[in-house]
Amino acid sequence: MSKLTLIPILVGLVIPAASSQAEEIDFYKQIYPFVKSGCVKCHQPPYARRPERPDRLSKPKADIILTSPEEILKAEDEDGNKILVPGKPDESRMLEVTKLPIDDDYHFPPEGKAPQWTDAEKELFAKWIEQGANFGDWEGDEDLPYDPDWDMKEKEPGTVETWDE
């Protein structure tokens, strides 16, 4: 095979691989939808659940708030470790707890409280962390407090909940 024939073949193999790696995951459209549906009900800023009792606030579980980049990046687990470590999915507790067996006390979200992340969502979240956990233009959730009525139906395996907006 001549060098002139080999060059287009090599270029054809390298360019698609480079472009697929370059596709950056959009946190707001691709990650936050399943973070919000699975985590934010319990991990949002304090708010008065009942208007007649504004002095009684609903507080975030474990003091972890997942409604803005700043809060997510400063959140720590019970041992004082960051729950999200950009570039290191294996050190990111936020991902790890979704992979634990559902009957494990540390699995999140707890069974029956919110829809579980699908394997595809966990893989996408891990890839987003590997890419550096870039939040892009997202500055935080303006639609709070968030207290959805969940229909108790889990998502189809292999799906990823996303937003088109």
C-alpha atoms as a PDB file:
ATOM      1  CA  MET A   1       0.000   0.000   0.000  1.00  0.00           C
ATOM      2  CA  SER A   2       1.401   3.386  -0.933  1.00  0.00           C
ATOM      3  CA  LYS A   3       1.850   6.261   1.489  1.00  0.00           C
ATOM      4  CA  LEU A   4      -0.710   8.290  -0.453  1.00  0.00           C
ATOM      5  CA  THR A   5      -3.345   5.608   0.109  1.00  0.00           C
ATOM      6  CA  LEU A   6      -2.502   5.185   3.791  1.00  0.00           C
ATOM      7  CA  ILE A   7      -2.805   8.909   4.700  1.00  0.00           C
ATOM      8  CA  PRO A   8      -6.559   9.243   3.890  1.00  0.00           C
ATOM      9  CA  ILE A   9      -7.268   6.032   5.774  1.00  0.00           C
ATOM     10  CA  LEU A  10      -5.446   7.255   8.889  1.00  0.00           C
ATOM     11  CA  VAL A  11      -7.062  10.696   8.692  1.00  0.00           C
ATOM     12  CA  GLY A  12     -10.474   9.039   8.339  1.00  0.00           C
ATOM     13  CA  LEU A  13      -9.882   7.052  11.523  1.00  0.00           C
ATOM     14  CA  VAL A  14      -8.473   9.898  13.616  1.00  0.00           C
ATOM     15  CA  ILE A  15     -10.915  12.718  12.809  1.00  0.00           C
ATOM     16  CA  PRO A  16     -14.136  10.890  13.884  1.00  0.00           C
ATOM     17  CA  ALA A  17     -12.479   9.702  17.098  1.00  0.00           C
ATOM     18  CA  ALA A  18     -11.297  13.205  17.938  1.00  0.00           C
ATOM     19  CA  SER A  19     -14.652  14.798  17.157  1.00  0.00           C
ATOM     20  CA  SER A  20     -16.606  12.286  19.265  1.00  0.00           C
ATOM     21  CA  GLN A  21     -14.318  12.984  22.224  1.00  0.00           C
ATOM     22  CA  ALA A  22     -14.683  16.717  21.675  1.00  0.00           C
ATOM     23  CA  GLU A  23     -18.479  16.649  22.060  1.00  0.00           C
ATOM     24  CA  GLU A  24     -18.881  18.305  25.422  1.00  0.00           C
ATOM     25  CA  ILE A  25     -21.812  17.250  27.566  1.00  0.00           C
ATOM     26  CA  ASP A  26     -24.266  20.068  28.318  1.00  0.00           C
ATOM     27  CA  PHE A  27     -24.909  19.974  32.068  1.00  0.00           C
ATOM     28  CA  TYR A  28     -28.225  21.841  31.971  1.00  0.00           C
ATOM     29  CA  LYS A  29     -29.767  19.883  29.092  1.00  0.00           C
ATOM     30  CA  GLN A  30     -28.254  16.452  29.641  1.00  0.00           C
ATOM     31  CA  ILE A  31     -27.317  16.073  33.318  1.00  0.00           C
ATOM     32  CA  TYR A  32     -29.489  18.371  35.427  1.00  0.00           C
ATOM     33  CA  PRO A  33     -32.825  16.818  34.355  1.00  0.00           C
ATOM     34  CA  PHE A  34     -32.051  13.513  36.106  1.00  0.00           C
ATOM     35  CA  VAL A  35     -30.184  15.206  38.966  1.00  0.00           C
ATOM     36  CA  LYS A  36     -33.250  17.370  39.557  1.00  0.00           C
ATOM     37  CA  SER A  37     -35.787  14.535  39.346  1.00  0.00           C
ATOM     38  CA  GLY A  38     -33.705  12.162  41.478  1.00  0.00           C
ATOM     39  CA  CYS A  39     -31.958  14.424  43.988  1.00  0.00           C
ATOM     40  CA  VAL A  40     -33.208  18.008  44.285  1.00  0.00           C
ATOM     41  CA  LYS A  41     -36.416  17.320  46.216  1.00  0.00           C
ATOM     42  CA  CYS A  42     -34.247  16.429  49.230  1.00  0.00           C
ATOM     43  CA  HIS A  43     -31.160  18.515  48.369  1.00  0.00           C
ATOM     44  CA  GLN A  44     -32.336  22.088  47.845  1.00  0.00           C
ATOM     45  CA  PRO A  45     -31.971  25.259  49.903  1.00  0.00           C
ATOM     46  CA  PRO A  46     -34.119  25.529  53.040  1.00  0.00           C
ATOM     47  CA  TYR A  47     -37.705  26.616  52.388  1.00  0.00           C
ATOM     48  CA  ALA A  48     -40.989  26.930  54.254  1.00  0.00           C
ATOM     49  CA  ARG A  49     -42.984  23.874  53.235  1.00  0.00           C
ATOM     50  CA  ARG A  50     -46.169  25.217  54.779  1.00  0.00           C
ATOM     51  CA  PRO A  51     -46.991  28.912  54.293  1.00  0.00           C
ATOM     52  CA  GLU A  52     -48.816  29.017  57.619  1.00  0.00           C
ATOM     53  CA  ARG A  53     -45.559  28.051  59.382  1.00  0.00           C
ATOM     54  CA  PRO A  54     -42.811  30.171  57.736  1.00  0.00           C
ATOM     55  CA  ASP A  55     -40.621  29.635  60.793  1.00  0.00           C
ATOM     56  CA  ARG A  56     -40.424  25.872  60.142  1.00  0.00           C
ATOM     57  CA  LEU A  57     -38.038  25.236  57.287  1.00  0.00           C
ATOM     58  CA  SER A  58     -37.511  22.113  55.252  1.00  0.00           C
ATOM     59  CA  LYS A  59     -33.731  21.682  55.283  1.00  0.00           C
ATOM     60  CA  PRO A  60     -31.522  19.848  52.786  1.00  0.00           C
ATOM     61  CA  LYS A  61     -30.614  16.274  53.698  1.00  0.00           C
ATOM     62  CA  ALA A  62     -27.028  16.011  54.964  1.00  0.00           C
ATOM     63  CA  ASP A  63     -26.699  19.776  54.340  1.00  0.00           C
ATOM     64  CA  ILE A  64     -26.054  19.005  50.662  1.00  0.00           C
ATOM     65  CA  ILE A  65     -27.603  21.402  48.127  1.00  0.00           C
ATOM     66  CA  LEU A  66     -27.592  20.414  44.451  1.00  0.00           C
ATOM     67  CA  THR A  67     -29.240  23.453  42.842  1.00  0.00           C
ATOM     68  CA  SER A  68     -26.236  25.544  41.759  1.00  0.00           C
ATOM     69  CA  PRO A  69     -22.675  24.900  40.596  1.00  0.00           C
ATOM     70  CA  GLU A  70     -21.232  26.555  43.707  1.00  0.00           C
ATOM     71  CA  GLU A  71     -23.304  24.421  46.069  1.00  0.00           C
ATOM     72  CA  ILE A  72     -22.562  21.194  44.189  1.00  0.00           C
ATOM     73  CA  LEU A  73     -18.826  21.872  44.120  1.00  0.00           C
ATOM     74  CA  LYS A  74     -18.632  22.741  47.832  1.00  0.00           C
ATOM     75  CA  ALA A  75     -20.830  19.836  49.016  1.00  0.00           C
ATOM     76  CA  GLU A  76     -19.090  17.235  51.161  1.00  0.00           C
ATOM     77  CA  ASP A  77     -20.007  13.756  52.348  1.00  0.00           C
ATOM     78  CA  GLU A  78     -20.128  12.632  55.983  1.00  0.00           C
ATOM     79  CA  ASP A  79     -16.316  12.179  55.981  1.00  0.00           C
ATOM     80  CA  GLY A  80     -15.614  15.690  54.688  1.00  0.00           C
ATOM     81  CA  ASN A  81     -14.791  14.580  51.128  1.00  0.00           C
ATOM     82  CA  LYS A  82     -16.132  16.540  48.148  1.00  0.00           C
ATOM     83  CA  ILE A  83     -19.075  14.693  46.579  1.00  0.00           C
ATOM     84  CA  LEU A  84     -18.034  15.823  43.086  1.00  0.00           C
ATOM     85  CA  VAL A  85     -14.396  15.753  41.998  1.00  0.00           C
ATOM     86  CA  PRO A  86     -14.048  17.166  38.457  1.00  0.00           C
ATOM     87  CA  GLY A  87     -12.057  14.802  36.239  1.00  0.00           C
ATOM     88  CA  LYS A  88     -12.372  11.925  38.745  1.00  0.00           C
ATOM     89  CA  PRO A  89     -15.633   9.968  38.581  1.00  0.00           C
ATOM     90  CA  ASP A  90     -14.205   7.194  40.812  1.00  0.00           C
ATOM     91  CA  GLU A  91     -13.674   9.756  43.594  1.00  0.00           C
ATOM     92  CA  SER A  92     -17.082  11.421  43.153  1.00  0.00           C
ATOM     93  CA  ARG A  93     -19.424  10.212  45.893  1.00  0.00           C
ATOM     94  CA  MET A  94     -22.386  11.763  44.052  1.00  0.00           C
ATOM     95  CA  LEU A  95     -21.958   9.094  41.361  1.00  0.00           C
ATOM     96  CA  GLU A  96     -20.824   6.318  43.676  1.00  0.00           C
ATOM     97  CA  VAL A  97     -24.022   6.327  45.772  1.00  0.00           C
ATOM     98  CA  THR A  98     -26.164   5.791  42.662  1.00  0.00           C
ATOM     99  CA  LYS A  99     -24.195   2.615  41.864  1.00  0.00           C
ATOM    100  CA  LEU A 100     -24.575   0.984  45.287  1.00  0.00           C
ATOM    101  CA  PRO A 101     -27.124  -1.846  45.624  1.00  0.00           C
ATOM    102  CA  ILE A 102     -30.592  -0.357  46.067  1.00  0.00           C
ATOM    103  CA  ASP A 103     -30.945  -1.933  49.527  1.00  0.00           C
ATOM    104  CA  ASP A 104     -27.668  -0.357  50.739  1.00  0.00           C
ATOM    105  CA  ASP A 105     -28.238   2.345  53.377  1.00  0.00           C
ATOM    106  CA  TYR A 106     -26.042   4.729  51.365  1.00  0.00           C
ATOM    107  CA  HIS A 107     -27.711   4.169  47.976  1.00  0.00           C
ATOM    108  CA  PHE A 108     -29.319   7.308  46.572  1.00  0.00           C
ATOM    109  CA  PRO A 109     -31.929   8.197  45.744  1.00  0.00           C
ATOM    110  CA  PRO A 110     -33.602   5.998  48.345  1.00  0.00           C
ATOM    111  CA  GLU A 111     -35.966   3.457  46.853  1.00  0.00           C
ATOM    112  CA  GLY A 112     -39.477   4.846  46.501  1.00  0.00           C
ATOM    113  CA  LYS A 113     -38.451   8.474  47.107  1.00  0.00           C
ATOM    114  CA  ALA A 114     -37.478   9.472  43.546  1.00  0.00           C
ATOM    115  CA  PRO A 115     -36.781   7.819  40.206  1.00  0.00           C
ATOM    116  CA  GLN A 116     -33.529   5.859  40.109  1.00  0.00           C
ATOM    117  CA  TRP A 117     -30.821   6.905  37.668  1.00  0.00           C
ATOM    118  CA  THR A 118     -30.596   4.541  34.718  1.00  0.00           C
ATOM    119  CA  ASP A 119     -27.276   2.920  33.795  1.00  0.00           C
ATOM    120  CA  ALA A 120     -27.152   5.248  30.765  1.00  0.00           C
ATOM    121  CA  GLU A 121     -27.551   8.285  33.060  1.00  0.00           C
ATOM    122  CA  LYS A 122     -24.803   7.029  35.368  1.00  0.00           C
ATOM    123  CA  GLU A 123     -22.496   6.541  32.370  1.00  0.00           C
ATOM    124  CA  LEU A 124     -23.294  10.017  31.040  1.00  0.00           C
ATOM    125  CA  PHE A 125     -22.698  11.541  34.483  1.00  0.00           C
ATOM    126  CA  ALA A 126     -19.340   9.737  34.743  1.00  0.00           C
ATOM    127  CA  LYS A 127     -18.342  10.984  31.287  1.00  0.00           C
ATOM    128  CA  TRP A 128     -19.352  14.549  32.257  1.00  0.00           C
ATOM    129  CA  ILE A 129     -17.164  14.306  35.369  1.00  0.00           C
ATOM    130  CA  GLU A 130     -14.275  12.920  33.258  1.00  0.00           C
ATOM    131  CA  GLN A 131     -14.638  15.942  30.957  1.00  0.00           C
ATOM    132  CA  GLY A 132     -14.071  18.224  33.957  1.00  0.00           C
ATOM    133  CA  ALA A 133     -17.625  18.661  35.309  1.00  0.00           C
ATOM    134  CA  ASN A 134     -18.243  21.832  33.305  1.00  0.00           C
ATOM    135  CA  PHE A 135     -21.533  23.514  34.234  1.00  0.00           C
ATOM    136  CA  GLY A 136     -21.387  25.772  31.158  1.00  0.00           C
ATOM    137  CA  ASP A 137     -23.689  28.794  31.400  1.00  0.00           C
ATOM    138  CA  TRP A 138     -25.880  27.181  34.085  1.00  0.00           C
ATOM    139  CA  GLU A 139     -25.866  29.353  37.190  1.00  0.00           C
ATOM    140  CA  GLY A 140     -28.466  27.492  39.200  1.00  0.00           C
ATOM    141  CA  ASP A 141     -32.084  26.452  39.426  1.00  0.00           C
ATOM    142  CA  GLU A 142     -34.578  29.303  39.580  1.00  0.00           C
ATOM    143  CA  ASP A 143     -37.572  26.946  39.896  1.00  0.00           C
ATOM    144  CA  LEU A 144     -37.447  26.398  43.660  1.00  0.00           C
ATOM    145  CA  PRO A 145     -38.733  25.141  45.988  1.00  0.00           C
ATOM    146  CA  TYR A 146     -39.058  21.862  44.126  1.00  0.00           C
ATOM    147  CA  ASP A 147     -41.522  19.383  45.590  1.00  0.00           C
ATOM    148  CA  PRO A 148     -42.818  17.165  42.784  1.00  0.00           C
ATOM    149  CA  ASP A 149     -45.482  14.510  42.929  1.00  0.00           C
ATOM    150  CA  TRP A 150     -43.716  11.381  41.653  1.00  0.00           C
ATOM    151  CA  ASP A 151     -45.883   8.742  39.967  1.00  0.00           C
ATOM    152  CA  MET A 152     -43.620   5.966  41.345  1.00  0.00           C
ATOM    153  CA  LYS A 153     -42.842   4.762  37.810  1.00  0.00           C
ATOM    154  CA  GLU A 154     -39.184   4.141  37.092  1.00  0.00           C
ATOM    155  CA  LYS A 155     -37.628   5.226  33.805  1.00  0.00           C
ATOM    156  CA  GLU A 156     -37.047   2.750  31.015  1.00  0.00           C
ATOM    157  CA  PRO A 157     -33.629   1.065  31.336  1.00  0.00           C
ATOM    158  CA  GLY A 158     -31.057   2.574  29.001  1.00  0.00           C
ATOM    159  CA  THR A 159     -32.791   5.959  28.776  1.00  0.00           C
ATOM    160  CA  VAL A 160     -31.466   9.361  29.741  1.00  0.00           C
ATOM    161  CA  GLU A 161     -33.830  12.076  30.943  1.00  0.00           C
ATOM    162  CA  THR A 162     -32.899  15.304  29.081  1.00  0.00           C
ATOM    163  CA  TRP A 163     -34.299  18.731  28.292  1.00  0.00           C
ATOM    164  CA  ASP A 164     -34.380  20.258  24.826  1.00  0.00           C
ATOM    165  CA  GLU A 165     -34.618  23.877  26.003  1.00  0.00           C
END
